[in-house]
Amino acid sequence: MSEGSMFPLSRPTVGVSGRTGTWRIQRPVYNAGKCIKCRLCWLYCPDSVIDLSEGGDFILIDYDYCKGCGVCASVCPTKAIEMRPEG
């Protein structure tokens, strides 16, 4: 076993894929008025950056770790999440 193989190449940080918000080109924008609280966005987010507020009344998106992939917007049945250009 070589010395380099004894240590992981990367270490997980907050968020599954590490801080990615600096290179995102689109961001999800949440409209609480359209949300039916089905939680599909939370369930399907590949980076686990969507969290539920206390009591589950609305969602919170951690933009430091969101890649802007759009999965949350595509699974939302009421279009409560819309992808908008970053900036």
PDB file of N, CA and C in Angstrom:
ATOM      1  N   MET A   1       0.847  -1.172   0.000  1.00  0.00           N
ATOM      2  CA  MET A   1       0.000   0.000   0.000  1.00  0.00           C
ATOM      3  C   MET A   1       0.894   1.238   0.000  1.00  0.00           C
ATOM      4  N   SER A   2       0.675   2.119  -0.950  1.00  0.00           N
ATOM      5  CA  SER A   2       1.477   3.334  -1.000  1.00  0.00           C
ATOM      6  C   SER A   2       0.990   4.327   0.051  1.00  0.00           C
ATOM      7  N   GLU A   3       1.841   5.253   0.383  1.00  0.00           N
ATOM      8  CA  GLU A   3       1.499   6.223   1.415  1.00  0.00           C
ATOM      9  C   GLU A   3       0.296   7.077   1.021  1.00  0.00           C
ATOM     10  N   GLY A   4       0.188   7.430  -0.254  1.00  0.00           N
ATOM     11  CA  GLY A   4      -0.912   8.276  -0.722  1.00  0.00           C
ATOM     12  C   GLY A   4      -2.259   7.605  -0.639  1.00  0.00           C
ATOM     13  N   SER A   5      -2.314   6.280  -0.712  1.00  0.00           N
ATOM     14  CA  SER A   5      -3.605   5.597  -0.695  1.00  0.00           C
ATOM     15  C   SER A   5      -4.172   5.473   0.715  1.00  0.00           C
ATOM     16  N   MET A   6      -3.437   5.872   1.728  1.00  0.00           N
ATOM     17  CA  MET A   6      -3.925   5.764   3.091  1.00  0.00           C
ATOM     18  C   MET A   6      -4.865   6.900   3.462  1.00  0.00           C
ATOM     19  N   PHE A   7      -4.881   7.970   2.688  1.00  0.00           N
ATOM     20  CA  PHE A   7      -5.693   9.127   3.016  1.00  0.00           C
ATOM     21  C   PHE A   7      -6.703   9.388   1.913  1.00  0.00           C
ATOM     22  N   PRO A   8      -7.885   9.846   2.252  1.00  0.00           N
ATOM     23  CA  PRO A   8      -8.877  10.162   1.207  1.00  0.00           C
ATOM     24  C   PRO A   8      -8.405  11.339   0.356  1.00  0.00           C
ATOM     25  N   LEU A   9      -8.783  11.317  -0.926  1.00  0.00           N
ATOM     26  CA  LEU A   9      -8.403  12.411  -1.823  1.00  0.00           C
ATOM     27  C   LEU A   9      -9.135  13.696  -1.477  1.00  0.00           C
ATOM     28  N   SER A  10     -10.327  13.572  -0.980  1.00  0.00           N
ATOM     29  CA  SER A  10     -11.079  14.758  -0.587  1.00  0.00           C
ATOM     30  C   SER A  10     -11.858  14.436   0.674  1.00  0.00           C
ATOM     31  N   ARG A  11     -12.241  15.459   1.345  1.00  0.00           N
ATOM     32  CA  ARG A  11     -13.030  15.280   2.560  1.00  0.00           C
ATOM     33  C   ARG A  11     -14.371  15.978   2.365  1.00  0.00           C
ATOM     34  N   PRO A  12     -15.455  15.350   2.769  1.00  0.00           N
ATOM     35  CA  PRO A  12     -16.753  16.002   2.631  1.00  0.00           C
ATOM     36  C   PRO A  12     -16.843  17.240   3.521  1.00  0.00           C
ATOM     37  N   THR A  13     -17.506  18.231   3.024  1.00  0.00           N
ATOM     38  CA  THR A  13     -17.743  19.441   3.796  1.00  0.00           C
ATOM     39  C   THR A  13     -19.244  19.594   3.941  1.00  0.00           C
ATOM     40  N   VAL A  14     -19.694  20.744   4.344  1.00  0.00           N
ATOM     41  CA  VAL A  14     -21.127  20.979   4.415  1.00  0.00           C
ATOM     42  C   VAL A  14     -21.679  20.884   3.001  1.00  0.00           C
ATOM     43  N   GLY A  15     -22.732  20.170   2.809  1.00  0.00           N
ATOM     44  CA  GLY A  15     -23.244  19.900   1.476  1.00  0.00           C
ATOM     45  C   GLY A  15     -22.525  18.667   0.957  1.00  0.00           C
ATOM     46  N   VAL A  16     -23.159  17.897   0.129  1.00  0.00           N
ATOM     47  CA  VAL A  16     -22.594  16.635  -0.337  1.00  0.00           C
ATOM     48  C   VAL A  16     -21.398  16.856  -1.254  1.00  0.00           C
ATOM     49  N   SER A  17     -21.429  17.850  -2.114  1.00  0.00           N
ATOM     50  CA  SER A  17     -20.381  18.050  -3.115  1.00  0.00           C
ATOM     51  C   SER A  17     -19.446  19.207  -2.785  1.00  0.00           C
ATOM     52  N   GLY A  18     -19.529  19.777  -1.601  1.00  0.00           N
ATOM     53  CA  GLY A  18     -18.674  20.901  -1.257  1.00  0.00           C
ATOM     54  C   GLY A  18     -19.254  22.206  -1.774  1.00  0.00           C
ATOM     55  N   ARG A  19     -18.574  23.317  -1.486  1.00  0.00           N
ATOM     56  CA  ARG A  19     -19.066  24.648  -1.857  1.00  0.00           C
ATOM     57  C   ARG A  19     -19.012  24.810  -3.373  1.00  0.00           C
ATOM     58  N   THR A  20     -20.172  25.013  -3.973  1.00  0.00           N
ATOM     59  CA  THR A  20     -20.249  25.095  -5.428  1.00  0.00           C
ATOM     60  C   THR A  20     -20.952  26.358  -5.900  1.00  0.00           C
ATOM     61  N   GLY A  21     -21.451  27.158  -4.987  1.00  0.00           N
ATOM     62  CA  GLY A  21     -22.246  28.304  -5.375  1.00  0.00           C
ATOM     63  C   GLY A  21     -21.505  29.377  -6.151  1.00  0.00           C
ATOM     64  N   THR A  22     -20.182  29.349  -6.173  1.00  0.00           N
ATOM     65  CA  THR A  22     -19.432  30.393  -6.863  1.00  0.00           C
ATOM     66  C   THR A  22     -19.426  30.202  -8.373  1.00  0.00           C
ATOM     67  N   TRP A  23     -19.641  29.012  -8.874  1.00  0.00           N
ATOM     68  CA  TRP A  23     -19.617  28.781 -10.320  1.00  0.00           C
ATOM     69  C   TRP A  23     -20.986  28.455 -10.906  1.00  0.00           C
ATOM     70  N   ARG A  24     -22.024  28.571 -10.138  1.00  0.00           N
ATOM     71  CA  ARG A  24     -23.390  28.299 -10.595  1.00  0.00           C
ATOM     72  C   ARG A  24     -23.798  29.356 -11.626  1.00  0.00           C
ATOM     73  N   ILE A  25     -24.493  28.966 -12.694  1.00  0.00           N
ATOM     74  CA  ILE A  25     -24.946  29.928 -13.699  1.00  0.00           C
ATOM     75  C   ILE A  25     -26.446  30.202 -13.606  1.00  0.00           C
ATOM     76  N   GLN A  26     -27.175  29.309 -12.935  1.00  0.00           N
ATOM     77  CA  GLN A  26     -28.595  29.541 -12.686  1.00  0.00           C
ATOM     78  C   GLN A  26     -28.877  29.222 -11.228  1.00  0.00           C
ATOM     79  N   ARG A  27     -29.832  29.957 -10.651  1.00  0.00           N
ATOM     80  CA  ARG A  27     -30.182  29.692  -9.258  1.00  0.00           C
ATOM     81  C   ARG A  27     -31.676  29.427  -9.140  1.00  0.00           C
ATOM     82  N   PRO A  28     -32.055  28.521  -8.236  1.00  0.00           N
ATOM     83  CA  PRO A  28     -33.478  28.288  -7.996  1.00  0.00           C
ATOM     84  C   PRO A  28     -34.065  29.407  -7.150  1.00  0.00           C
ATOM     85  N   VAL A  29     -35.212  29.897  -7.562  1.00  0.00           N
ATOM     86  CA  VAL A  29     -35.917  30.936  -6.804  1.00  0.00           C
ATOM     87  C   VAL A  29     -37.252  30.341  -6.371  1.00  0.00           C
ATOM     88  N   TYR A  30     -37.489  30.404  -5.080  1.00  0.00           N
ATOM     89  CA  TYR A  30     -38.639  29.744  -4.463  1.00  0.00           C
ATOM     90  C   TYR A  30     -39.790  30.713  -4.277  1.00  0.00           C
ATOM     91  N   ASN A  31     -41.002  30.296  -4.658  1.00  0.00           N
ATOM     92  CA  ASN A  31     -42.211  31.085  -4.473  1.00  0.00           C
ATOM     93  C   ASN A  31     -43.100  30.338  -3.481  1.00  0.00           C
ATOM     94  N   ALA A  32     -43.115  30.798  -2.232  1.00  0.00           N
ATOM     95  CA  ALA A  32     -43.866  30.116  -1.177  1.00  0.00           C
ATOM     96  C   ALA A  32     -45.367  30.093  -1.452  1.00  0.00           C
ATOM     97  N   GLY A  33     -45.873  31.071  -2.194  1.00  0.00           N
ATOM     98  CA  GLY A  33     -47.297  31.127  -2.489  1.00  0.00           C
ATOM     99  C   GLY A  33     -47.773  30.000  -3.384  1.00  0.00           C
ATOM    100  N   LYS A  34     -46.885  29.457  -4.211  1.00  0.00           N
ATOM    101  CA  LYS A  34     -47.248  28.358  -5.106  1.00  0.00           C
ATOM    102  C   LYS A  34     -46.967  26.979  -4.506  1.00  0.00           C
ATOM    103  N   CYS A  35     -46.207  26.953  -3.433  1.00  0.00           N
ATOM    104  CA  CYS A  35     -45.740  25.678  -2.869  1.00  0.00           C
ATOM    105  C   CYS A  35     -46.883  24.936  -2.176  1.00  0.00           C
ATOM    106  N   ILE A  36     -47.010  23.642  -2.468  1.00  0.00           N
ATOM    107  CA  ILE A  36     -48.019  22.802  -1.818  1.00  0.00           C
ATOM    108  C   ILE A  36     -47.385  21.901  -0.747  1.00  0.00           C
ATOM    109  N   LYS A  37     -46.113  22.132  -0.478  1.00  0.00           N
ATOM    110  CA  LYS A  37     -45.370  21.419   0.576  1.00  0.00           C
ATOM    111  C   LYS A  37     -45.313  19.915   0.342  1.00  0.00           C
ATOM    112  N   CYS A  38     -45.125  19.525  -0.907  1.00  0.00           N
ATOM    113  CA  CYS A  38     -45.012  18.106  -1.231  1.00  0.00           C
ATOM    114  C   CYS A  38     -43.620  17.569  -0.904  1.00  0.00           C
ATOM    115  N   ARG A  39     -42.644  18.464  -0.804  1.00  0.00           N
ATOM    116  CA  ARG A  39     -41.260  18.131  -0.436  1.00  0.00           C
ATOM    117  C   ARG A  39     -40.516  17.317  -1.486  1.00  0.00           C
ATOM    118  N   LEU A  40     -41.008  17.305  -2.719  1.00  0.00           N
ATOM    119  CA  LEU A  40     -40.287  16.588  -3.769  1.00  0.00           C
ATOM    120  C   LEU A  40     -38.925  17.235  -4.037  1.00  0.00           C
ATOM    121  N   CYS A  41     -38.859  18.557  -3.971  1.00  0.00           N
ATOM    122  CA  CYS A  41     -37.585  19.252  -4.190  1.00  0.00           C
ATOM    123  C   CYS A  41     -36.557  18.814  -3.160  1.00  0.00           C
ATOM    124  N   TRP A  42     -36.965  18.729  -1.925  1.00  0.00           N
ATOM    125  CA  TRP A  42     -36.095  18.286  -0.833  1.00  0.00           C
ATOM    126  C   TRP A  42     -35.645  16.843  -1.062  1.00  0.00           C
ATOM    127  N   LEU A  43     -36.559  16.006  -1.494  1.00  0.00           N
ATOM    128  CA  LEU A  43     -36.270  14.595  -1.695  1.00  0.00           C
ATOM    129  C   LEU A  43     -35.309  14.369  -2.865  1.00  0.00           C
ATOM    130  N   TYR A  44     -35.478  15.116  -3.972  1.00  0.00           N
ATOM    131  CA  TYR A  44     -34.706  14.865  -5.184  1.00  0.00           C
ATOM    132  C   TYR A  44     -33.443  15.704  -5.319  1.00  0.00           C
ATOM    133  N   CYS A  45     -33.211  16.661  -4.451  1.00  0.00           N
ATOM    134  CA  CYS A  45     -32.008  17.493  -4.571  1.00  0.00           C
ATOM    135  C   CYS A  45     -30.758  16.609  -4.465  1.00  0.00           C
ATOM    136  N   PRO A  46     -29.938  16.558  -5.533  1.00  0.00           N
ATOM    137  CA  PRO A  46     -28.765  15.669  -5.497  1.00  0.00           C
ATOM    138  C   PRO A  46     -27.671  16.150  -4.555  1.00  0.00           C
ATOM    139  N   ASP A  47     -27.713  17.394  -4.137  1.00  0.00           N
ATOM    140  CA  ASP A  47     -26.664  17.934  -3.265  1.00  0.00           C
ATOM    141  C   ASP A  47     -27.129  18.148  -1.830  1.00  0.00           C
ATOM    142  N   SER A  48     -28.353  17.801  -1.557  1.00  0.00           N
ATOM    143  CA  SER A  48     -28.910  17.946  -0.194  1.00  0.00           C
ATOM    144  C   SER A  48     -28.774  19.366   0.339  1.00  0.00           C
ATOM    145  N   VAL A  49     -29.061  20.351  -0.505  1.00  0.00           N
ATOM    146  CA  VAL A  49     -28.947  21.750  -0.083  1.00  0.00           C
ATOM    147  C   VAL A  49     -30.298  22.372   0.246  1.00  0.00           C
ATOM    148  N   ILE A  50     -31.366  21.617   0.056  1.00  0.00           N
ATOM    149  CA  ILE A  50     -32.699  22.123   0.381  1.00  0.00           C
ATOM    150  C   ILE A  50     -33.090  21.595   1.745  1.00  0.00           C
ATOM    151  N   ASP A  51     -33.494  22.513   2.599  1.00  0.00           N
ATOM    152  CA  ASP A  51     -33.888  22.142   3.946  1.00  0.00           C
ATOM    153  C   ASP A  51     -35.290  22.684   4.186  1.00  0.00           C
ATOM    154  N   LEU A  52     -35.959  22.110   5.137  1.00  0.00           N
ATOM    155  CA  LEU A  52     -37.296  22.564   5.484  1.00  0.00           C
ATOM    156  C   LEU A  52     -37.206  23.498   6.671  1.00  0.00           C
ATOM    157  N   SER A  53     -38.033  24.528   6.668  1.00  0.00           N
ATOM    158  CA  SER A  53     -38.050  25.457   7.797  1.00  0.00           C
ATOM    159  C   SER A  53     -38.616  24.761   9.019  1.00  0.00           C
ATOM    160  N   GLU A  54     -38.484  25.403  10.145  1.00  0.00           N
ATOM    161  CA  GLU A  54     -39.078  24.874  11.369  1.00  0.00           C
ATOM    162  C   GLU A  54     -40.574  24.704  11.139  1.00  0.00           C
ATOM    163  N   GLY A  55     -41.093  23.524  11.305  1.00  0.00           N
ATOM    164  CA  GLY A  55     -42.493  23.254  11.064  1.00  0.00           C
ATOM    165  C   GLY A  55     -42.792  22.851   9.623  1.00  0.00           C
ATOM    166  N   GLY A  56     -41.813  22.958   8.721  1.00  0.00           N
ATOM    167  CA  GLY A  56     -41.978  22.524   7.342  1.00  0.00           C
ATOM    168  C   GLY A  56     -42.865  23.412   6.501  1.00  0.00           C
ATOM    169  N   ASP A  57     -43.046  24.675   6.890  1.00  0.00           N
ATOM    170  CA  ASP A  57     -43.932  25.565   6.147  1.00  0.00           C
ATOM    171  C   ASP A  57     -43.334  26.046   4.829  1.00  0.00           C
ATOM    172  N   PHE A  58     -42.032  26.156   4.731  1.00  0.00           N
ATOM    173  CA  PHE A  58     -41.394  26.566   3.483  1.00  0.00           C
ATOM    174  C   PHE A  58     -39.999  25.972   3.421  1.00  0.00           C
ATOM    175  N   ILE A  59     -39.387  26.076   2.259  1.00  0.00           N
ATOM    176  CA  ILE A  59     -38.068  25.475   2.083  1.00  0.00           C
ATOM    177  C   ILE A  59     -36.986  26.544   2.166  1.00  0.00           C
ATOM    178  N   LEU A  60     -35.805  26.116   2.518  1.00  0.00           N
ATOM    179  CA  LEU A  60     -34.631  26.964   2.573  1.00  0.00           C
ATOM    180  C   LEU A  60     -33.597  26.362   1.623  1.00  0.00           C
ATOM    181  N   ILE A  61     -32.995  27.181   0.796  1.00  0.00           N
ATOM    182  CA  ILE A  61     -31.985  26.708  -0.154  1.00  0.00           C
ATOM    183  C   ILE A  61     -30.640  27.295   0.246  1.00  0.00           C
ATOM    184  N   ASP A  62     -29.653  26.457   0.448  1.00  0.00           N
ATOM    185  CA  ASP A  62     -28.309  26.917   0.797  1.00  0.00           C
ATOM    186  C   ASP A  62     -27.566  27.222  -0.504  1.00  0.00           C
ATOM    187  N   TYR A  63     -27.516  28.507  -0.850  1.00  0.00           N
ATOM    188  CA  TYR A  63     -26.925  28.915  -2.125  1.00  0.00           C
ATOM    189  C   TYR A  63     -25.402  28.769  -2.148  1.00  0.00           C
ATOM    190  N   ASP A  64     -24.776  28.597  -1.027  1.00  0.00           N
ATOM    191  CA  ASP A  64     -23.321  28.363  -1.021  1.00  0.00           C
ATOM    192  C   ASP A  64     -22.974  27.004  -1.617  1.00  0.00           C
ATOM    193  N   TYR A  65     -23.916  26.089  -1.559  1.00  0.00           N
ATOM    194  CA  TYR A  65     -23.649  24.730  -1.995  1.00  0.00           C
ATOM    195  C   TYR A  65     -24.542  24.267  -3.143  1.00  0.00           C
ATOM    196  N   CYS A  66     -25.477  25.070  -3.563  1.00  0.00           N
ATOM    197  CA  CYS A  66     -26.365  24.717  -4.676  1.00  0.00           C
ATOM    198  C   CYS A  66     -25.623  24.890  -5.990  1.00  0.00           C
ATOM    199  N   LYS A  67     -25.638  23.850  -6.837  1.00  0.00           N
ATOM    200  CA  LYS A  67     -24.977  23.918  -8.139  1.00  0.00           C
ATOM    201  C   LYS A  67     -25.862  24.550  -9.206  1.00  0.00           C
ATOM    202  N   GLY A  68     -27.144  24.676  -8.940  1.00  0.00           N
ATOM    203  CA  GLY A  68     -28.058  25.212  -9.930  1.00  0.00           C
ATOM    204  C   GLY A  68     -28.410  24.204 -11.004  1.00  0.00           C
ATOM    205  N   CYS A  69     -28.480  22.946 -10.642  1.00  0.00           N
ATOM    206  CA  CYS A  69     -28.746  21.882 -11.628  1.00  0.00           C
ATOM    207  C   CYS A  69     -30.181  21.917 -12.129  1.00  0.00           C
ATOM    208  N   GLY A  70     -31.112  22.423 -11.322  1.00  0.00           N
ATOM    209  CA  GLY A  70     -32.498  22.544 -11.754  1.00  0.00           C
ATOM    210  C   GLY A  70     -33.365  21.329 -11.485  1.00  0.00           C
ATOM    211  N   VAL A  71     -32.848  20.327 -10.825  1.00  0.00           N
ATOM    212  CA  VAL A  71     -33.658  19.150 -10.514  1.00  0.00           C
ATOM    213  C   VAL A  71     -34.852  19.543  -9.648  1.00  0.00           C
ATOM    214  N   CYS A  72     -34.636  20.403  -8.667  1.00  0.00           N
ATOM    215  CA  CYS A  72     -35.723  20.842  -7.782  1.00  0.00           C
ATOM    216  C   CYS A  72     -36.856  21.495  -8.575  1.00  0.00           C
ATOM    217  N   ALA A  73     -36.491  22.336  -9.534  1.00  0.00           N
ATOM    218  CA  ALA A  73     -37.504  23.020 -10.350  1.00  0.00           C
ATOM    219  C   ALA A  73     -38.231  22.046 -11.270  1.00  0.00           C
ATOM    220  N   SER A  74     -37.515  21.063 -11.781  1.00  0.00           N
ATOM    221  CA  SER A  74     -38.144  20.135 -12.718  1.00  0.00           C
ATOM    222  C   SER A  74     -39.100  19.163 -12.025  1.00  0.00           C
ATOM    223  N   VAL A  75     -38.881  18.841 -10.748  1.00  0.00           N
ATOM    224  CA  VAL A  75     -39.785  17.910 -10.058  1.00  0.00           C
ATOM    225  C   VAL A  75     -40.932  18.619  -9.348  1.00  0.00           C
ATOM    226  N   CYS A  76     -40.898  19.938  -9.273  1.00  0.00           N
ATOM    227  CA  CYS A  76     -41.936  20.676  -8.563  1.00  0.00           C
ATOM    228  C   CYS A  76     -43.239  20.666  -9.372  1.00  0.00           C
ATOM    229  N   PRO A  77     -44.309  20.072  -8.833  1.00  0.00           N
ATOM    230  CA  PRO A  77     -45.552  19.954  -9.597  1.00  0.00           C
ATOM    231  C   PRO A  77     -46.285  21.285  -9.794  1.00  0.00           C
ATOM    232  N   THR A  78     -46.027  22.285  -8.953  1.00  0.00           N
ATOM    233  CA  THR A  78     -46.739  23.561  -9.067  1.00  0.00           C
ATOM    234  C   THR A  78     -45.848  24.687  -9.598  1.00  0.00           C
ATOM    235  N   LYS A  79     -44.611  24.346  -9.986  1.00  0.00           N
ATOM    236  CA  LYS A  79     -43.647  25.342 -10.492  1.00  0.00           C
ATOM    237  C   LYS A  79     -43.375  26.430  -9.448  1.00  0.00           C
ATOM    238  N   ALA A  80     -43.324  26.018  -8.174  1.00  0.00           N
ATOM    239  CA  ALA A  80     -42.999  26.960  -7.094  1.00  0.00           C
ATOM    240  C   ALA A  80     -41.518  27.314  -7.086  1.00  0.00           C
ATOM    241  N   ILE A  81     -40.702  26.537  -7.796  1.00  0.00           N
ATOM    242  CA  ILE A  81     -39.281  26.838  -7.918  1.00  0.00           C
ATOM    243  C   ILE A  81     -38.998  27.113  -9.387  1.00  0.00           C
ATOM    244  N   GLU A  82     -38.416  28.277  -9.628  1.00  0.00           N
ATOM    245  CA  GLU A  82     -38.104  28.704 -10.990  1.00  0.00           C
ATOM    246  C   GLU A  82     -36.599  28.947 -11.089  1.00  0.00           C
ATOM    247  N   MET A  83     -35.992  28.484 -12.168  1.00  0.00           N
ATOM    248  CA  MET A  83     -34.561  28.708 -12.373  1.00  0.00           C
ATOM    249  C   MET A  83     -34.376  30.053 -13.069  1.00  0.00           C
ATOM    250  N   ARG A  84     -33.511  30.905 -12.481  1.00  0.00           N
ATOM    251  CA  ARG A  84     -33.216  32.221 -13.048  1.00  0.00           C
ATOM    252  C   ARG A  84     -31.719  32.367 -13.220  1.00  0.00           C
ATOM    253  N   PRO A  85     -31.294  33.140 -14.223  1.00  0.00           N
ATOM    254  CA  PRO A  85     -29.858  33.340 -14.423  1.00  0.00           C
ATOM    255  C   PRO A  85     -29.207  33.953 -13.184  1.00  0.00           C
ATOM    256  N   GLU A  86     -28.024  33.495 -12.879  1.00  0.00           N
ATOM    257  CA  GLU A  86     -27.283  33.995 -11.725  1.00  0.00           C
ATOM    258  C   GLU A  86     -26.832  35.432 -11.978  1.00  0.00           C
ATOM    259  N   GLY A  87     -26.867  36.232 -10.932  1.00  0.00           N
ATOM    260  CA  GLY A  87     -26.286  37.560 -11.035  1.00  0.00           C
ATOM    261  C   GLY A  87     -27.199  38.670 -11.062  1.00  0.00           C
TER     262      GLY A  87
END
